[in-house]
């Protein structure tokens, strides 16, 4: 599918959904779900599109139910659904269960996937899985301002050509790009699917089987397979990862304007280094020993004895006599 070139991220005057007449929209209400990995700006986009507050959390094991609101998106009357973060269809974490259940049992008419422009590969792995669901999709390339601040520029047009769906650059927190996203909802289309090795493709037998493989792996959870039973899931997930890495490398480039790393960034980088991590560990152990053996015993204990214990004993001895 050929997509329109993504315009620059600037504000444009336009009629809001509240200003449009109901006759501007189709009479049928379409269910549109906002899907994305945790911390990709789903709830911020939902709030920008609906102008209502949301209650969301990305802490592990926090129960967050999907929220819904009926809105006009361009020429589409939609029941917009804000879902909890989803890292992958094959995972079985409790906090992602409502989103998996929605996609498996009550699939929406279309999906708006929020993608963090600064962490493209992670989101594209989920895109590969959503493509097998054969649901029309629109991509919201979110947080482009934060990515630019780190010197990362994502070519939205190139990403759209790779995925085969409209891609709209946005900053959902302040509403930039949201107006263009509304107008693109009608153009949501089924994304291109990942090409698997011939041996894997023959055993899968179609997109529905691929989606079912991921869903069944989540339902089964940690249930062990019978000894010797082959599993296609590792090969499928590996193909997703390679596909995501390839596209991310092709559509992303550095601007050369990234800010110089701060002192804290240098410390963090050194601590994560294989050798630097051990040095930090040894230094932390020595620091704790010094604080306990020197400061704790030599300063706190002596200070407490002089400031608290001795005055209390002197006061008690005056009351009780020698």
Protein backbone atom coordinates (compact mmCIF):
# COMPACT_ATOMS: atom_id res chain seq x y z
CA UNK A 1 0.00 0.00 0.00
CA UNK A 2 1.25 3.48 -0.84
CA UNK A 3 1.00 5.94 2.04
CA UNK A 4 0.98 9.71 1.93
CA UNK A 5 4.26 11.39 2.93
CA UNK A 6 4.19 12.16 6.64
CA UNK A 7 4.07 15.92 7.16
CA UNK A 8 6.32 17.70 9.58
CA UNK A 9 5.33 17.67 13.19
CA UNK A 10 3.67 21.09 13.41
CA UNK A 11 0.30 22.29 14.62
CA UNK A 12 -2.46 22.88 12.09
CA UNK A 13 -5.87 24.48 12.56
CA UNK A 14 -8.67 21.99 12.12
CA UNK A 15 -12.17 21.27 13.23
CA UNK A 16 -12.28 19.15 16.35
CA UNK A 17 -14.54 16.16 16.79
CA UNK A 18 -16.81 18.24 19.01
CA UNK A 19 -17.26 20.76 16.18
CA UNK A 20 -18.23 18.19 13.56
CA UNK A 21 -21.82 17.30 12.85
CA UNK A 22 -22.89 13.70 13.48
CA UNK A 23 -23.70 13.53 9.77
CA UNK A 24 -19.96 13.87 9.05
CA UNK A 25 -19.32 10.41 10.45
CA UNK A 26 -20.40 6.99 9.38
CA UNK A 27 -23.38 5.59 11.21
CA UNK A 28 -21.58 2.36 12.13
CA UNK A 29 -19.49 2.46 15.28
CA UNK A 30 -16.10 0.79 14.78
CA UNK A 31 -14.16 -0.68 17.70
CA UNK A 32 -10.60 0.66 17.60
CA UNK A 33 -8.04 -0.50 20.16
CA UNK A 34 -4.88 1.39 21.10
CA UNK A 35 -2.19 -1.28 21.48
CA UNK A 36 1.46 -0.86 22.38
CA UNK A 37 4.31 -1.97 24.58
CA UNK A 38 4.41 -0.51 28.11
CA UNK A 39 5.43 3.15 28.31
CA UNK A 40 4.85 3.86 24.62
CA UNK A 41 2.26 6.60 25.23
CA UNK A 42 -1.01 4.68 24.82
CA UNK A 43 -2.91 6.46 27.57
CA UNK A 44 -1.54 9.86 26.54
CA UNK A 45 -2.86 9.24 23.02
CA UNK A 46 -6.21 8.03 24.36
CA UNK A 47 -6.52 11.17 26.45
CA UNK A 48 -5.56 13.38 23.50
CA UNK A 49 -8.15 11.72 21.25
CA UNK A 50 -10.96 11.65 23.81
CA UNK A 51 -10.08 14.66 26.00
CA UNK A 52 -10.72 12.66 29.14
CA UNK A 53 -8.42 11.63 31.97
CA UNK A 54 -7.20 8.06 32.29
CA UNK A 55 -6.02 5.83 35.09
CA UNK A 56 -3.10 3.75 33.93
CA UNK A 57 -0.05 2.11 35.46
CA UNK A 58 2.88 0.22 34.01
CA UNK A 59 4.07 -1.39 37.22
CA UNK A 60 4.29 -5.20 37.05
CA UNK A 61 1.27 -7.11 38.35
CA UNK A 62 -0.89 -3.98 38.50
CA UNK A 63 -4.43 -4.74 37.30
CA UNK A 64 -5.43 -2.17 34.69
CA UNK A 65 -8.63 -2.76 32.77
CA UNK A 66 -9.24 -1.39 29.27
CA UNK A 67 -11.04 1.96 29.16
CA UNK A 68 -13.47 2.96 26.44
CA UNK A 69 -14.93 6.14 24.98
CA UNK A 70 -16.98 6.88 21.86
CA UNK A 71 -15.40 9.56 19.68
CA UNK A 72 -15.30 10.83 16.12
CA UNK A 73 -11.99 10.16 14.40
CA UNK A 74 -11.98 11.91 11.06
CA UNK A 75 -14.98 10.45 9.29
CA UNK A 76 -15.22 7.41 11.56
CA UNK A 77 -17.40 7.08 14.64
CA UNK A 78 -15.35 4.86 16.89
CA UNK A 79 -15.47 3.15 20.24
CA UNK A 80 -11.89 3.83 21.27
CA UNK A 81 -10.33 1.34 23.67
CA UNK A 82 -7.26 2.13 25.79
CA UNK A 83 -5.54 -1.13 26.71
CA UNK A 84 -2.81 -2.08 29.21
CA UNK A 85 0.70 -2.42 27.82
CA UNK A 86 1.44 -5.57 25.82
CA UNK A 87 5.01 -6.79 25.37
CA UNK A 88 4.05 -9.83 23.30
CA UNK A 89 1.20 -12.18 22.52
CA UNK A 90 3.28 -15.16 23.61
CA UNK A 91 3.78 -13.89 27.17
CA UNK A 92 1.52 -14.86 30.06
CA UNK A 93 1.95 -12.04 32.61
CA UNK A 94 -1.12 -11.13 34.63
CA UNK A 95 -1.02 -7.40 33.87
CA UNK A 96 -1.11 -8.02 30.10
CA UNK A 97 -3.93 -10.56 30.23
CA UNK A 98 -6.79 -8.06 29.53
CA UNK A 99 -5.15 -6.96 26.28
CA UNK A 100 -4.47 -10.52 25.10
CA UNK A 101 -8.03 -11.47 25.98
CA UNK A 102 -9.39 -8.53 24.00
CA UNK A 103 -7.38 -9.45 20.89
CA UNK A 104 -8.17 -13.15 21.14
CA UNK A 105 -11.84 -13.17 22.20
CA UNK A 106 -13.21 -9.79 21.05
CA UNK A 107 -10.91 -8.57 18.28
CA UNK A 108 -11.36 -4.89 17.38
CA UNK A 109 -12.15 -3.62 13.89
CA UNK A 110 -8.84 -1.77 13.77
CA UNK A 111 -5.70 -1.21 15.83
CA UNK A 112 -3.76 1.96 16.51
CA UNK A 113 -0.33 0.81 17.61
CA UNK A 114 1.73 3.30 19.56
CA UNK A 115 5.46 2.97 18.86
CA UNK A 116 8.17 4.65 20.90
CA UNK A 117 10.37 6.35 18.28
CA UNK A 118 13.36 6.02 20.59
CA UNK A 119 12.94 2.26 21.10
CA UNK A 120 11.80 1.11 17.69
CA UNK A 121 12.92 -2.53 17.68
CA UNK A 122 10.98 -3.44 20.80
CA UNK A 123 7.72 -2.12 19.36
CA UNK A 124 8.28 -3.64 15.91
CA UNK A 125 8.54 -7.11 17.44
CA UNK A 126 4.99 -6.60 18.69
CA UNK A 127 4.01 -5.25 15.24
CA UNK A 128 5.13 -8.53 13.69
CA UNK A 129 2.81 -10.44 16.02
CA UNK A 130 -0.13 -8.11 15.50
CA UNK A 131 0.25 -8.47 11.72
CA UNK A 132 -0.60 -12.16 12.00
CA UNK A 133 -3.97 -11.25 13.53
CA UNK A 134 -5.01 -9.79 10.13
CA UNK A 135 -6.59 -6.71 11.72
CA UNK A 136 -6.32 -3.33 9.93
CA UNK A 137 -3.71 -1.18 11.61
CA UNK A 138 -2.49 2.39 11.88
CA UNK A 139 0.84 3.25 13.52
CA UNK A 140 1.32 6.24 15.82
CA UNK A 141 5.06 6.94 15.87
CA UNK A 142 5.03 8.54 19.29
CA UNK A 143 7.56 10.47 21.39
CA UNK A 144 9.50 11.70 18.37
CA UNK A 145 10.56 14.76 20.39
CA UNK A 146 12.31 12.61 22.99
CA UNK A 147 13.99 10.57 20.25
CA UNK A 148 15.23 13.73 18.53
CA UNK A 149 16.62 14.97 21.84
CA UNK A 150 18.71 11.78 21.94
CA UNK A 151 19.83 12.29 18.34
CA UNK A 152 17.54 9.62 16.83
CA UNK A 153 15.43 10.39 13.74
CA UNK A 154 12.92 7.86 12.39
CA UNK A 155 11.79 8.21 8.77
CA UNK A 156 8.02 7.81 9.08
CA UNK A 157 7.54 7.51 5.31
CA UNK A 158 10.11 4.72 5.04
CA UNK A 159 8.55 2.94 8.04
CA UNK A 160 5.12 3.20 6.40
CA UNK A 161 6.49 1.68 3.20
CA UNK A 162 8.06 -1.21 5.13
CA UNK A 163 4.94 -1.97 7.18
CA UNK A 164 2.35 -1.27 4.50
CA UNK A 165 0.21 0.85 6.84
CA UNK A 166 -0.09 4.60 7.50
CA UNK A 167 2.49 5.91 10.01
CA UNK A 168 1.91 9.26 11.71
CA UNK A 169 4.66 10.98 13.72
CA UNK A 170 3.29 12.51 16.91
CA UNK A 171 3.88 13.75 20.41
CA UNK A 172 0.71 12.65 22.18
CA UNK A 173 1.53 14.44 25.44
CA UNK A 174 1.15 17.91 23.91
CA UNK A 175 -1.14 16.89 21.03
CA UNK A 176 1.22 17.45 18.09
CA UNK A 177 0.38 15.14 15.21
CA UNK A 178 -2.86 13.93 16.82
CA UNK A 179 -4.99 15.82 14.28
CA UNK A 180 -3.27 14.04 11.39
CA UNK A 181 -3.71 10.73 13.18
CA UNK A 182 -7.49 11.32 13.32
CA UNK A 183 -7.64 11.88 9.59
CA UNK A 184 -5.64 8.71 8.85
CA UNK A 185 -7.92 6.33 10.79
CA UNK A 186 -10.03 5.67 7.70
CA UNK A 187 -6.88 4.49 5.86
CA UNK A 188 -5.98 1.76 8.37
CA UNK A 189 -4.98 -1.39 6.51
CA UNK A 190 -3.59 -4.84 7.15
CA UNK A 191 0.20 -4.70 7.65
CA UNK A 192 2.68 -6.86 5.79
CA UNK A 193 3.47 -10.08 7.59
CA UNK A 194 6.87 -11.50 8.42
CA UNK A 195 8.28 -14.02 5.97
CA UNK A 196 9.38 -17.16 7.79
CA UNK A 197 11.81 -19.82 6.58
CA UNK A 198 10.16 -22.23 4.17
CA UNK A 199 10.24 -25.12 6.63
CA UNK A 200 8.53 -23.05 9.33
CA UNK A 201 6.04 -21.52 6.88
CA UNK A 202 4.97 -24.96 5.66
CA UNK A 203 4.30 -26.18 9.19
CA UNK A 204 2.45 -23.02 10.24
CA UNK A 205 0.07 -23.04 7.30
CA UNK A 206 -1.11 -19.43 7.30
CA UNK A 207 -1.44 -16.26 9.34
CA UNK A 208 -4.27 -17.55 11.51
CA UNK A 209 -2.12 -20.50 12.55
CA UNK A 210 0.75 -18.18 13.39
CA UNK A 211 -1.46 -16.00 15.56
CA UNK A 212 -2.95 -19.09 17.20
CA UNK A 213 0.54 -20.39 17.99
CA UNK A 214 1.33 -17.24 19.96
CA UNK A 215 -2.05 -17.21 21.70
CA UNK A 216 -1.85 -20.85 22.68
CA UNK A 217 1.65 -20.39 24.06
CA UNK A 218 0.32 -17.65 26.36
CA UNK A 219 -2.62 -19.78 27.48
CA UNK A 220 -0.39 -22.77 28.14
CA UNK A 221 2.00 -20.60 30.15
CA UNK A 222 4.69 -22.70 31.70
CA UNK A 223 2.92 -26.00 31.04
CA UNK A 224 5.66 -28.36 29.86
CA UNK A 225 5.45 -29.96 26.42
CA UNK A 226 5.70 -33.69 26.13
CA UNK A 227 9.30 -34.90 25.67
CA UNK A 228 10.45 -34.76 22.06
CA UNK A 229 7.55 -32.57 20.89
CA UNK A 230 8.87 -29.96 18.46
CA UNK A 231 8.02 -26.30 19.01
CA UNK A 232 7.83 -23.70 16.26
CA UNK A 233 7.58 -20.80 18.70
CA UNK A 234 11.36 -20.15 19.06
CA UNK A 235 11.77 -20.02 15.27
CA UNK A 236 8.80 -17.67 14.91
CA UNK A 237 10.02 -15.33 17.63
CA UNK A 238 13.53 -15.31 16.19
CA UNK A 239 12.12 -14.36 12.79
CA UNK A 240 10.18 -11.52 14.45
CA UNK A 241 13.34 -10.22 16.10
CA UNK A 242 15.41 -10.25 12.91
CA UNK A 243 12.59 -8.56 10.98
CA UNK A 244 12.25 -5.82 13.61
CA UNK A 245 16.01 -5.20 13.79
CA UNK A 246 16.30 -4.96 10.00
CA UNK A 247 13.49 -2.43 9.65
CA UNK A 248 14.70 -0.37 12.62
CA UNK A 249 18.17 -0.16 11.08
CA UNK A 250 16.79 0.91 7.69
CA UNK A 251 14.41 3.66 8.88
CA UNK A 252 16.50 5.12 11.73
CA UNK A 253 19.47 7.44 11.48
CA UNK A 254 21.40 9.70 13.83
CA UNK A 255 21.05 13.45 13.57
CA UNK A 256 24.51 14.25 14.89
CA UNK A 257 22.87 16.68 17.30
CA UNK A 258 22.58 14.41 20.30
CA UNK A 259 23.41 16.01 23.61
CA UNK A 260 26.76 15.23 25.20
CA UNK A 261 26.45 12.50 27.83
CA UNK A 262 26.09 13.80 31.35
CA UNK A 263 28.25 12.73 34.27
CA UNK A 264 25.45 10.43 35.42
CA UNK A 265 25.26 8.85 31.95
CA UNK A 266 29.00 8.12 32.07
CA UNK A 267 28.70 6.58 35.54
CA UNK A 268 25.77 4.42 34.42
CA UNK A 269 27.63 3.28 31.31
CA UNK A 270 30.70 2.38 33.35
CA UNK A 271 28.62 0.47 35.90
CA UNK A 272 26.99 -1.60 33.13
CA UNK A 273 30.35 -2.51 31.59
CA UNK A 274 31.43 -6.14 32.32
CA UNK A 275 34.64 -4.98 34.02
CA UNK A 276 33.28 -1.73 35.41
CA UNK A 277 30.40 -3.57 37.07
CA UNK A 278 32.80 -5.70 39.14
CA UNK A 279 34.81 -2.64 40.12
CA UNK A 280 31.65 -0.86 41.24
CA UNK A 281 30.60 -3.94 43.23
CA UNK A 282 33.96 -4.14 45.03
CA UNK A 283 33.91 -0.40 45.67
CA UNK A 284 30.38 -0.59 47.09
CA UNK A 285 31.35 -3.48 49.40
CA UNK A 286 34.39 -1.57 50.70
CA UNK A 287 32.28 1.57 51.18
CA UNK A 288 29.70 -0.36 53.21
CA UNK A 289 32.43 -1.93 55.36
CA UNK A 290 33.98 1.48 55.98
CA UNK A 291 30.63 3.01 56.94
CA UNK A 292 29.81 0.19 59.35
CA UNK A 293 33.27 -0.41 60.88
CA UNK A 294 34.53 3.17 60.98
CA UNK A 295 31.60 5.54 60.87
CA UNK A 296 29.09 3.29 62.60
CA UNK A 297 31.36 2.13 65.43
CA UNK A 298 33.89 4.93 65.69
CA UNK A 299 31.53 7.89 65.27
CA UNK A 300 27.92 6.93 65.87
CA UNK A 301 28.52 4.60 68.80
CA UNK A 302 30.92 6.99 70.56
CA UNK A 303 28.75 9.96 69.76
CA UNK A 304 25.61 8.27 71.07
CA UNK A 305 27.45 7.30 74.25
CA UNK A 306 28.59 10.86 74.86
CA UNK A 307 25.42 12.62 73.80
CA UNK A 308 22.76 10.23 75.07
CA UNK A 309 23.99 7.39 77.31
CA UNK A 310 26.26 9.37 79.64
CA UNK A 311 23.76 12.26 80.21
CA UNK A 312 20.97 9.79 80.94
CA UNK A 313 23.11 7.82 83.42
CA UNK A 314 24.17 11.06 85.14
CA UNK A 315 20.54 12.16 85.44
CA UNK A 316 19.47 8.78 86.85
CA UNK A 317 22.32 8.81 89.39
CA UNK A 318 21.28 12.26 90.65
CA UNK A 319 17.74 11.04 91.16
CA UNK A 320 18.65 7.78 92.86
CA UNK A 321 21.83 8.88 94.63
CA UNK A 322 25.26 7.26 94.55
